[in-house]
C-alpha atoms as a PDB file:
ATOM      1  CA  MET A   1     -62.327  71.127 -48.600  1.00  0.00           C
ATOM      2  CA  GLY A   2     -59.708  71.827 -51.966  1.00  0.00           C
ATOM      3  CA  GLY A   3     -58.151  70.763 -54.375  1.00  0.00           C
ATOM      4  CA  ASN A   4     -55.722  67.152 -53.970  1.00  0.00           C
ATOM      5  CA  ASP A   5     -52.239  66.719 -55.821  1.00  0.00           C
ATOM      6  CA  ILE A   6     -51.691  62.943 -55.020  1.00  0.00           C
ATOM      7  CA  THR A   7     -47.650  62.977 -55.103  1.00  0.00           C
ATOM      8  CA  ALA A   8     -47.355  59.692 -52.518  1.00  0.00           C
ATOM      9  CA  THR A   9     -46.031  56.780 -53.149  1.00  0.00           C
ATOM     10  CA  THR A  10     -48.526  53.741 -52.503  1.00  0.00           C
ATOM     11  CA  ASP A  11     -45.425  51.851 -49.984  1.00  0.00           C
ATOM     12  CA  GLY A  12     -45.855  53.603 -47.108  1.00  0.00           C
ATOM     13  CA  PRO A  13     -47.266  52.487 -43.690  1.00  0.00           C
ATOM     14  CA  ASP A  14     -49.755  53.545 -43.587  1.00  0.00           C
ATOM     15  CA  ALA A  15     -50.058  51.237 -47.566  1.00  0.00           C
ATOM     16  CA  ALA A  16     -48.298  48.868 -45.495  1.00  0.00           C
ATOM     17  CA  HIS A  17     -51.056  48.554 -42.620  1.00  0.00           C
ATOM     18  CA  TRP A  18     -53.886  48.512 -44.083  1.00  0.00           C
ATOM     19  CA  ARG A  19     -52.533  46.068 -46.606  1.00  0.00           C
ATOM     20  CA  GLY A  20     -51.374  43.386 -43.742  1.00  0.00           C
ATOM     21  CA  MET A  21     -54.802  43.467 -41.640  1.00  0.00           C
ATOM     22  CA  VAL A  22     -56.508  42.587 -45.524  1.00  0.00           C
ATOM     23  CA  GLU A  23     -54.008  39.745 -46.544  1.00  0.00           C
ATOM     24  CA  ARG A  24     -53.816  38.671 -42.500  1.00  0.00           C
ATOM     25  CA  ARG A  25     -57.412  38.152 -43.294  1.00  0.00           C
ATOM     26  CA  GLU A  26     -57.323  36.619 -46.359  1.00  0.00           C
ATOM     27  CA  ARG A  27     -54.716  33.800 -45.648  1.00  0.00           C
ATOM     28  CA  GLN A  28     -56.835  32.730 -43.114  1.00  0.00           C
ATOM     29  CA  MET A  29     -60.171  32.364 -44.173  1.00  0.00           C
ATOM     30  CA  ASP A  30     -58.421  31.135 -47.661  1.00  0.00           C
ATOM     31  CA  ALA A  31     -57.237  28.094 -45.307  1.00  0.00           C
ATOM     32  CA  ALA A  32     -60.303  27.988 -43.999  1.00  0.00           C
ATOM     33  CA  TYR A  33     -61.751  27.327 -47.567  1.00  0.00           C
ATOM     34  CA  ALA A  34     -59.374  24.527 -48.130  1.00  0.00           C
ATOM     35  CA  ALA A  35     -59.361  22.759 -45.430  1.00  0.00           C
ATOM     36  CA  LEU A  36     -63.399  22.175 -46.659  1.00  0.00           C
ATOM     37  CA  GLY A  37     -62.075  22.332 -50.815  1.00  0.00           C
ATOM     38  CA  ARG A  38     -62.864  25.057 -51.481  1.00  0.00           C
ATOM     39  CA  THR A  39     -62.433  28.429 -52.204  1.00  0.00           C
ATOM     40  CA  SER A  40     -63.922  31.649 -51.813  1.00  0.00           C
ATOM     41  CA  ALA A  41     -65.157  33.183 -55.343  1.00  0.00           C
ATOM     42  CA  ASP A  42     -68.938  31.486 -54.562  1.00  0.00           C
ATOM     43  CA  TYR A  43     -68.405  33.919 -51.968  1.00  0.00           C
ATOM     44  CA  TRP A  44     -71.709  36.134 -53.017  1.00  0.00           C
ATOM     45  CA  ALA A  45     -73.487  33.573 -54.414  1.00  0.00           C
ATOM     46  CA  ARG A  46     -73.670  31.825 -51.071  1.00  0.00           C
ATOM     47  CA  ARG A  47     -74.932  34.535 -48.494  1.00  0.00           C
ATOM     48  CA  ILE A  48     -77.669  35.929 -51.709  1.00  0.00           C
ATOM     49  CA  GLY A  49     -79.385  32.355 -50.672  1.00  0.00           C
ATOM     50  CA  ASN A  50     -78.775  32.653 -47.151  1.00  0.00           C
ATOM     51  CA  ARG A  51     -79.150  36.424 -46.839  1.00  0.00           C
ATOM     52  CA  PRO A  52     -82.217  37.078 -49.239  1.00  0.00           C
ATOM     53  CA  SER A  53     -82.474  40.545 -46.889  1.00  0.00           C
ATOM     54  CA  LEU A  54     -79.439  41.653 -48.315  1.00  0.00           C
ATOM     55  CA  LEU A  55     -80.676  42.410 -51.165  1.00  0.00           C
ATOM     56  CA  ARG A  56     -83.467  44.193 -49.982  1.00  0.00           C
ATOM     57  CA  ARG A  57     -82.420  48.019 -48.966  1.00  0.00           C
ATOM     58  CA  ILE A  58     -81.335  51.356 -51.037  1.00  0.00           C
ATOM     59  CA  ALA A  59     -81.374  54.160 -49.440  1.00  0.00           C
ATOM     60  CA  ASP A  60     -82.931  56.063 -48.443  1.00  0.00           C
ATOM     61  CA  ASP A  61     -82.238  60.857 -47.384  1.00  0.00           C
ATOM     62  CA  ASP A  62     -80.526  59.476 -43.571  1.00  0.00           C
ATOM     63  CA  ASP A  63     -78.217  57.520 -45.576  1.00  0.00           C
ATOM     64  CA  PRO A  64     -74.182  59.209 -44.177  1.00  0.00           C
ATOM     65  CA  THR A  65     -73.460  58.985 -48.068  1.00  0.00           C
ATOM     66  CA  ILE A  66     -76.530  59.787 -49.494  1.00  0.00           C
ATOM     67  CA  ARG A  67     -76.062  63.134 -47.116  1.00  0.00           C
ATOM     68  CA  THR A  68     -73.193  63.759 -47.352  1.00  0.00           C
ATOM     69  CA  MET A  69     -73.718  63.437 -51.888  1.00  0.00           C
ATOM     70  CA  LEU A  70     -76.570  65.210 -51.844  1.00  0.00           C
ATOM     71  CA  PRO A  71     -75.097  68.759 -52.199  1.00  0.00           C
ATOM     72  CA  TYR A  72     -73.333  67.279 -55.144  1.00  0.00           C
ATOM     73  CA  LEU A  73     -75.667  65.541 -56.916  1.00  0.00           C
ATOM     74  CA  SER A  74     -77.788  67.679 -59.485  1.00  0.00           C
ATOM     75  CA  GLN A  75     -80.098  66.674 -63.435  1.00  0.00           C
ATOM     76  CA  THR A  76     -76.778  66.944 -64.686  1.00  0.00           C
ATOM     77  CA  ALA A  77     -74.625  65.322 -62.757  1.00  0.00           C
ATOM     78  CA  THR A  78     -73.371  61.840 -63.758  1.00  0.00           C
ATOM     79  CA  VAL A  79     -71.860  59.227 -61.596  1.00  0.00           C
ATOM     80  CA  VAL A  80     -69.402  56.387 -60.954  1.00  0.00           C
ATOM     81  CA  ASP A  81     -70.566  53.995 -58.440  1.00  0.00           C
ATOM     82  CA  VAL A  82     -67.655  51.156 -57.849  1.00  0.00           C
ATOM     83  CA  GLY A  83     -68.726  48.393 -56.224  1.00  0.00           C
ATOM     84  CA  ALA A  84     -73.021  48.689 -56.223  1.00  0.00           C
ATOM     85  CA  GLY A  85     -73.654  45.504 -55.601  1.00  0.00           C
ATOM     86  CA  ALA A  86     -77.728  44.811 -55.958  1.00  0.00           C
ATOM     87  CA  GLY A  87     -78.008  48.590 -57.029  1.00  0.00           C
ATOM     88  CA  ARG A  88     -78.723  49.784 -52.770  1.00  0.00           C
ATOM     89  CA  TYR A  89     -76.763  53.102 -53.892  1.00  0.00           C
ATOM     90  CA  ALA A  90     -77.572  53.312 -57.945  1.00  0.00           C
ATOM     91  CA  LEU A  91     -80.766  53.102 -56.699  1.00  0.00           C
ATOM     92  CA  ALA A  92     -81.644  56.281 -54.562  1.00  0.00           C
ATOM     93  CA  ILE A  93     -79.011  58.359 -56.503  1.00  0.00           C
ATOM     94  CA  ALA A  94     -79.904  57.779 -59.415  1.00  0.00           C
ATOM     95  CA  PRO A  95     -83.747  59.994 -59.792  1.00  0.00           C
ATOM     96  CA  ARG A  96     -81.495  62.942 -58.907  1.00  0.00           C
ATOM     97  CA  ALA A  97     -78.348  62.998 -61.826  1.00  0.00           C
ATOM     98  CA  ALA A  98     -77.785  62.891 -65.164  1.00  0.00           C
ATOM     99  CA  SER A  99     -77.040  59.010 -65.269  1.00  0.00           C
ATOM    100  CA  VAL A 100     -75.486  56.560 -63.038  1.00  0.00           C
ATOM    101  CA  VAL A 101     -72.269  53.599 -64.442  1.00  0.00           C
ATOM    102  CA  ALA A 102     -72.568  50.942 -61.598  1.00  0.00           C
ATOM    103  CA  VAL A 103     -69.654  49.358 -61.294  1.00  0.00           C
ATOM    104  CA  GLU A 104     -70.572  45.325 -59.796  1.00  0.00           C
ATOM    105  CA  PRO A 105     -67.633  42.861 -60.403  1.00  0.00           C
ATOM    106  CA  ASP A 106     -69.505  40.288 -59.512  1.00  0.00           C
ATOM    107  CA  ALA A 107     -71.202  36.943 -61.801  1.00  0.00           C
ATOM    108  CA  ALA A 108     -73.310  36.473 -59.204  1.00  0.00           C
ATOM    109  CA  MET A 109     -74.901  40.153 -57.929  1.00  0.00           C
ATOM    110  CA  VAL A 110     -75.471  41.356 -60.979  1.00  0.00           C
ATOM    111  CA  PRO A 111     -78.406  40.038 -62.227  1.00  0.00           C
ATOM    112  CA  ARG A 112     -79.803  41.338 -59.336  1.00  0.00           C
ATOM    113  CA  LEU A 113     -78.781  44.544 -59.802  1.00  0.00           C
ATOM    114  CA  GLU A 114     -80.645  44.362 -63.019  1.00  0.00           C
ATOM    115  CA  GLU A 115     -83.837  42.578 -61.859  1.00  0.00           C
ATOM    116  CA  ALA A 116     -83.647  46.085 -59.275  1.00  0.00           C
ATOM    117  CA  LEU A 117     -83.442  48.279 -62.130  1.00  0.00           C
ATOM    118  CA  SER A 118     -85.612  47.155 -64.131  1.00  0.00           C
ATOM    119  CA  GLU A 119     -87.947  46.845 -61.616  1.00  0.00           C
ATOM    120  CA  SER A 120     -87.905  50.242 -60.433  1.00  0.00           C
ATOM    121  CA  GLY A 121     -87.990  51.495 -63.782  1.00  0.00           C
ATOM    122  CA  THR A 122     -85.034  52.842 -63.873  1.00  0.00           C
ATOM    123  CA  ARG A 123     -82.973  53.757 -67.502  1.00  0.00           C
ATOM    124  CA  ASN A 124     -80.338  56.078 -66.920  1.00  0.00           C
ATOM    125  CA  VAL A 125     -77.865  53.914 -64.598  1.00  0.00           C
ATOM    126  CA  GLU A 126     -75.554  51.752 -67.065  1.00  0.00           C
ATOM    127  CA  VAL A 127     -74.171  48.267 -65.411  1.00  0.00           C
ATOM    128  CA  VAL A 128     -70.514  47.449 -65.646  1.00  0.00           C
ATOM    129  CA  GLU A 129     -69.500  43.585 -64.743  1.00  0.00           C
ATOM    130  CA  ALA A 130     -65.318  44.137 -63.631  1.00  0.00           C
ATOM    131  CA  ARG A 131     -63.524  44.373 -60.431  1.00  0.00           C
ATOM    132  CA  TRP A 132     -63.180  48.174 -60.698  1.00  0.00           C
ATOM    133  CA  GLN A 133     -59.057  47.411 -61.621  1.00  0.00           C
ATOM    134  CA  ASP A 134     -60.232  46.468 -64.672  1.00  0.00           C
ATOM    135  CA  ALA A 135     -63.179  48.542 -65.240  1.00  0.00           C
ATOM    136  CA  GLU A 136     -62.734  50.415 -68.881  1.00  0.00           C
ATOM    137  CA  VAL A 137     -65.367  53.509 -67.638  1.00  0.00           C
ATOM    138  CA  GLU A 138     -65.078  57.558 -68.970  1.00  0.00           C
ATOM    139  CA  ALA A 139     -64.304  60.678 -65.852  1.00  0.00           C
ATOM    140  CA  ALA A 140     -67.658  61.426 -64.221  1.00  0.00           C
ATOM    141  CA  ASP A 141     -68.256  64.400 -62.441  1.00  0.00           C
ATOM    142  CA  LEU A 142     -69.053  62.176 -58.791  1.00  0.00           C
ATOM    143  CA  VAL A 143     -68.003  58.662 -57.882  1.00  0.00           C
ATOM    144  CA  LEU A 144     -69.065  57.068 -55.052  1.00  0.00           C
ATOM    145  CA  CYS A 145     -67.513  53.730 -53.164  1.00  0.00           C
ATOM    146  CA  ALA A 146     -69.411  52.418 -50.595  1.00  0.00           C
ATOM    147  CA  HIS A 147     -68.411  49.563 -48.307  1.00  0.00           C
ATOM    148  CA  VAL A 148     -66.539  47.854 -51.481  1.00  0.00           C
ATOM    149  CA  LEU A 149     -62.945  48.731 -49.586  1.00  0.00           C
ATOM    150  CA  TYR A 150     -62.675  46.028 -46.685  1.00  0.00           C
ATOM    151  CA  PRO A 151     -60.900  43.912 -48.491  1.00  0.00           C
ATOM    152  CA  ILE A 152     -59.089  44.923 -51.340  1.00  0.00           C
ATOM    153  CA  ALA A 153     -55.054  44.405 -50.635  1.00  0.00           C
ATOM    154  CA  ASP A 154     -54.066  47.127 -52.937  1.00  0.00           C
ATOM    155  CA  ALA A 155     -56.186  49.778 -51.962  1.00  0.00           C
ATOM    156  CA  ALA A 156     -53.958  52.432 -53.162  1.00  0.00           C
ATOM    157  CA  SER A 157     -53.558  52.637 -56.338  1.00  0.00           C
ATOM    158  CA  PHE A 158     -57.875  51.086 -56.510  1.00  0.00           C
ATOM    159  CA  ILE A 159     -57.682  54.658 -53.922  1.00  0.00           C
ATOM    160  CA  HIS A 160     -55.672  56.294 -56.818  1.00  0.00           C
ATOM    161  CA  LYS A 161     -58.458  55.005 -59.115  1.00  0.00           C
ATOM    162  CA  LEU A 162     -60.901  56.270 -57.524  1.00  0.00           C
ATOM    163  CA  ASP A 163     -59.405  60.289 -58.267  1.00  0.00           C
ATOM    164  CA  ALA A 164     -58.196  60.231 -61.542  1.00  0.00           C
ATOM    165  CA  CYS A 165     -61.757  59.113 -62.395  1.00  0.00           C
ATOM    166  CA  ALA A 166     -63.542  61.576 -60.586  1.00  0.00           C
ATOM    167  CA  ARG A 167     -63.799  65.506 -62.935  1.00  0.00           C
ATOM    168  CA  ARG A 168     -65.451  66.660 -58.888  1.00  0.00           C
ATOM    169  CA  ALA A 169     -65.393  64.209 -56.004  1.00  0.00           C
ATOM    170  CA  CYS A 170     -65.274  61.243 -54.636  1.00  0.00           C
ATOM    171  CA  PHE A 171     -67.009  59.601 -51.494  1.00  0.00           C
ATOM    172  CA  LEU A 172     -65.604  56.923 -50.133  1.00  0.00           C
ATOM    173  CA  ALA A 173     -67.278  55.639 -46.686  1.00  0.00           C
ATOM    174  CA  LEU A 174     -66.622  52.546 -44.350  1.00  0.00           C
ATOM    175  CA  ARG A 175     -67.739  51.898 -41.264  1.00  0.00           C
ATOM    176  CA  GLU A 176     -64.814  51.366 -37.989  1.00  0.00           C
ATOM    177  CA  ILE A 177     -63.538  48.266 -37.334  1.00  0.00           C
ATOM    178  CA  VAL A 178     -65.874  46.117 -36.520  1.00  0.00           C
ATOM    179  CA  SER A 179     -65.715  43.030 -34.271  1.00  0.00           C
ATOM    180  CA  GLU A 180     -67.295  39.353 -35.315  1.00  0.00           C
ATOM    181  CA  PRO A 181     -70.704  39.630 -33.205  1.00  0.00           C
ATOM    182  CA  GLU A 182     -71.326  37.174 -30.895  1.00  0.00           C
ATOM    183  CA  PRO A 183     -72.472  34.149 -30.707  1.00  0.00           C
ATOM    184  CA  LEU A 184     -70.168  34.466 -34.126  1.00  0.00           C
ATOM    185  CA  GLY A 185     -66.344  35.746 -32.863  1.00  0.00           C
ATOM    186  CA  ARG A 186     -67.583  32.563 -30.331  1.00  0.00           C
ATOM    187  CA  LEU A 187     -68.389  30.117 -32.420  1.00  0.00           C
ATOM    188  CA  TRP A 188     -65.724  31.438 -34.930  1.00  0.00           C
ATOM    189  CA  TYR A 189     -62.584  30.625 -32.319  1.00  0.00           C
ATOM    190  CA  ARG A 190     -64.098  27.726 -30.633  1.00  0.00           C
ATOM    191  CA  PHE A 191     -63.636  25.343 -34.569  1.00  0.00           C
ATOM    192  CA  HIS A 192     -61.276  27.425 -35.643  1.00  0.00           C
ATOM    193  CA  GLY A 193     -59.172  27.890 -32.422  1.00  0.00           C
ATOM    194  CA  GLU A 194     -58.086  31.180 -32.980  1.00  0.00           C
ATOM    195  CA  ARG A 195     -59.910  34.806 -33.383  1.00  0.00           C
ATOM    196  CA  ARG A 196     -61.119  36.145 -36.526  1.00  0.00           C
ATOM    197  CA  CYS A 197     -58.850  38.602 -38.369  1.00  0.00           C
ATOM    198  CA  LEU A 198     -60.810  41.637 -39.403  1.00  0.00           C
ATOM    199  CA  GLN A 199     -60.899  44.228 -41.850  1.00  0.00           C
ATOM    200  CA  PRO A 200     -59.596  47.255 -41.612  1.00  0.00           C
ATOM    201  CA  GLY A 201     -62.080  50.350 -41.867  1.00  0.00           C
ATOM    202  CA  TYR A 202     -62.903  53.965 -41.938  1.00  0.00           C
ATOM    203  CA  VAL A 203     -59.436  55.904 -39.664  1.00  0.00           C
ATOM    204  CA  GLU A 204     -57.273  53.340 -41.929  1.00  0.00           C
ATOM    205  CA  ALA A 205     -58.053  54.699 -45.055  1.00  0.00           C
ATOM    206  CA  PHE A 206     -58.262  58.612 -43.978  1.00  0.00           C
ATOM    207  CA  ASN A 207     -54.605  57.422 -42.726  1.00  0.00           C
ATOM    208  CA  LEU A 208     -54.011  55.473 -45.903  1.00  0.00           C
ATOM    209  CA  MET A 209     -55.048  58.604 -48.320  1.00  0.00           C
ATOM    210  CA  HIS A 210     -53.437  61.012 -46.134  1.00  0.00           C
ATOM    211  CA  GLU A 211     -50.310  59.078 -47.218  1.00  0.00           C
ATOM    212  CA  LEU A 212     -51.196  59.033 -50.712  1.00  0.00           C
ATOM    213  CA  GLY A 213     -52.097  63.103 -50.725  1.00  0.00           C
ATOM    214  CA  ILE A 214     -55.278  63.326 -50.000  1.00  0.00           C
ATOM    215  CA  ARG A 215     -56.644  65.468 -47.755  1.00  0.00           C
ATOM    216  CA  ALA A 216     -60.300  64.061 -47.083  1.00  0.00           C
ATOM    217  CA  ASN A 217     -63.016  66.005 -45.156  1.00  0.00           C
ATOM    218  CA  VAL A 218     -64.519  62.997 -42.470  1.00  0.00           C
ATOM    219  CA  SER A 219     -67.886  62.878 -41.665  1.00  0.00           C
ATOM    220  CA  VAL A 220     -68.755  60.278 -38.505  1.00  0.00           C
ATOM    221  CA  GLY A 221     -71.651  58.417 -37.015  1.00  0.00           C
ATOM    222  CA  ARG A 222     -73.026  56.742 -35.424  1.00  0.00           C
ATOM    223  CA  ILE A 223     -75.877  53.861 -37.225  1.00  0.00           C
ATOM    224  CA  ALA A 224     -77.188  50.426 -36.581  1.00  0.00           C
ATOM    225  CA  GLY A 225     -74.668  47.297 -37.309  1.00  0.00           C
ATOM    226  CA  PRO A 226     -73.918  45.252 -39.190  1.00  0.00           C
ATOM    227  CA  SER A 227     -77.436  43.175 -40.720  1.00  0.00           C
ATOM    228  CA  TRP A 228     -77.851  40.175 -39.367  1.00  0.00           C
ATOM    229  CA  SER A 229     -81.507  38.317 -40.418  1.00  0.00           C
ATOM    230  CA  TRP A 230     -82.856  35.745 -42.119  1.00  0.00           C
ATOM    231  CA  GLU A 231     -86.460  34.256 -42.944  1.00  0.00           C
ATOM    232  CA  ASP A 232     -86.725  31.471 -40.826  1.00  0.00           C
ATOM    233  CA  LEU A 233     -84.062  29.726 -37.988  1.00  0.00           C
ATOM    234  CA  ASP A 234     -82.382  27.014 -40.487  1.00  0.00           C
ATOM    235  CA  GLY A 235     -81.837  30.104 -42.855  1.00  0.00           C
ATOM    236  CA  ALA A 236     -79.911  31.495 -39.338  1.00  0.00           C
ATOM    237  CA  VAL A 237     -76.990  28.298 -39.064  1.00  0.00           C
ATOM    238  CA  ALA A 238     -77.284  27.587 -42.810  1.00  0.00           C
ATOM    239  CA  GLY A 239     -75.925  31.863 -42.705  1.00  0.00           C
ATOM    240  CA  VAL A 240     -73.776  31.972 -40.119  1.00  0.00           C
ATOM    241  CA  ARG A 241     -72.434  27.986 -40.740  1.00  0.00           C
ATOM    242  CA  GLU A 242     -71.624  29.602 -44.388  1.00  0.00           C
ATOM    243  CA  HIS A 243     -70.264  32.635 -42.553  1.00  0.00           C
ATOM    244  CA  LEU A 244     -67.987  30.818 -40.120  1.00  0.00           C
ATOM    245  CA  ILE A 245     -66.734  28.505 -43.179  1.00  0.00           C
ATOM    246  CA  LEU A 246     -68.067  25.331 -41.708  1.00  0.00           C
ATOM    247  CA  PRO A 247     -68.524  21.625 -43.309  1.00  0.00           C
ATOM    248  CA  GLU A 248     -72.832  20.828 -43.152  1.00  0.00           C
ATOM    249  CA  SER A 249     -72.845  18.877 -39.920  1.00  0.00           C
ATOM    250  CA  PRO A 250     -75.510  18.418 -38.357  1.00  0.00           C
ATOM    251  CA  GLU A 251     -73.173  17.881 -34.911  1.00  0.00           C
ATOM    252  CA  ILE A 252     -71.434  21.612 -36.276  1.00  0.00           C
ATOM    253  CA  ASP A 253     -75.597  22.453 -37.079  1.00  0.00           C
ATOM    254  CA  ALA A 254     -76.200  21.691 -33.467  1.00  0.00           C
ATOM    255  CA  VAL A 255     -73.836  23.994 -32.134  1.00  0.00           C
ATOM    256  CA  ILE A 256     -74.138  27.000 -33.447  1.00  0.00           C
ATOM    257  CA  ARG A 257     -78.620  26.252 -33.435  1.00  0.00           C
ATOM    258  CA  MET A 258     -78.204  26.405 -29.642  1.00  0.00           C
ATOM    259  CA  GLU A 259     -76.205  29.876 -29.822  1.00  0.00           C
ATOM    260  CA  LEU A 260     -78.706  31.228 -32.396  1.00  0.00           C
ATOM    261  CA  THR A 261     -82.005  30.210 -30.342  1.00  0.00           C
ATOM    262  CA  SER A 262     -81.312  32.517 -27.540  1.00  0.00           C
ATOM    263  CA  ALA A 263     -79.449  35.549 -29.174  1.00  0.00           C
ATOM    264  CA  VAL A 264     -81.853  36.127 -32.354  1.00  0.00           C
ATOM    265  CA  ILE A 265     -85.457  38.544 -31.775  1.00  0.00           C
ATOM    266  CA  GLU A 266     -87.810  38.605 -34.112  1.00  0.00           C
ATOM    267  CA  ASP A 267     -88.082  42.093 -36.218  1.00  0.00           C
ATOM    268  CA  GLY A 268     -90.365  42.779 -39.305  1.00  0.00           C
ATOM    269  CA  GLY A 269     -91.147  39.665 -39.895  1.00  0.00           C
ATOM    270  CA  MET A 270     -87.331  38.251 -39.514  1.00  0.00           C
ATOM    271  CA  LEU A 271     -85.542  36.368 -37.511  1.00  0.00           C
ATOM    272  CA  SER A 272     -82.645  39.076 -36.558  1.00  0.00           C
ATOM    273  CA  LEU A 273     -79.250  38.686 -34.685  1.00  0.00           C
ATOM    274  CA  ARG A 274     -78.796  41.671 -31.811  1.00  0.00           C
ATOM    275  CA  VAL A 275     -75.616  44.146 -33.000  1.00  0.00           C
ATOM    276  CA  ASP A 276     -75.198  47.059 -31.250  1.00  0.00           C
ATOM    277  CA  GLU A 277     -75.392  50.333 -32.973  1.00  0.00           C
ATOM    278  CA  THR A 278     -71.401  51.061 -34.828  1.00  0.00           C
ATOM    279  CA  TYR A 279     -69.561  53.789 -36.141  1.00  0.00           C
ATOM    280  CA  MET A 280     -68.865  55.061 -40.388  1.00  0.00           C
ATOM    281  CA  GLY A 281     -67.265  57.920 -41.764  1.00  0.00           C
ATOM    282  CA  VAL A 282     -67.861  59.326 -45.421  1.00  0.00           C
ATOM    283  CA  LEU A 283     -64.724  60.948 -46.686  1.00  0.00           C
ATOM    284  CA  TRP A 284     -64.625  63.156 -49.002  1.00  0.00           C
ATOM    285  CA  TRP A 285     -62.620  65.549 -51.694  1.00  0.00           C
ATOM    286  CA  GLU A 286     -63.016  67.912 -53.282  1.00  0.00           C
ATOM    287  CA  LYS A 287     -60.743  67.135 -57.480  1.00  0.00           C
END
């Protein structure tokens, strides 16, 4: 787990492959939003409304990312959490660190993060509302970026900044390439006439970092699939319609409802979509 010397350029074949995956998905989604007369600017605001369970999860010690970071955490360690969301990792790390800077760009997510910090009485977390590419934060001992990199076309520059911010170690967590769960995959094809473009995953990130001169360690393990849960069937229909970037229509809602009725299960008072387990990679490197 020795140091790394990032000297490679950011326009190699692995960087181009990553960028191509991201841009193909972005073009596909932009076209679907344009058909509705909308953009993706309110992406998280709409999803938070339809899936409140997204905000109720705090990582525990069995989380692969926390498990990998634990040997590096201490009461004197400073941490930057890039793309902190509603605090899934910041809230778990804060009791084990001197301080955490939580960088979060989404205006709809920041109030949720601040509310979670207030409710938990956490006082050693500073929230910075900014895109990582624009954020001005001091270097920290540890830098974490969990499940954020997927839609970033210029991942090489993003990773460069993560590395530059870390004094001791960087941690990057991503799932493998995950297909649309059924029946969402079928519904996307039915209404859009093509398969949904997929986002890159931890293998693509590992290859890209190797191209950049980062010799990362990687820990791969099976985890639960992406969370798809709602309070009731009406919320599920609305959430899936939004995910599939479809207009509000009784006919469309009827099709979605029919598909979901046989696909969801009751789980802890919520309706959840059956999703297979998948793999996640935690990539980390010391400075």
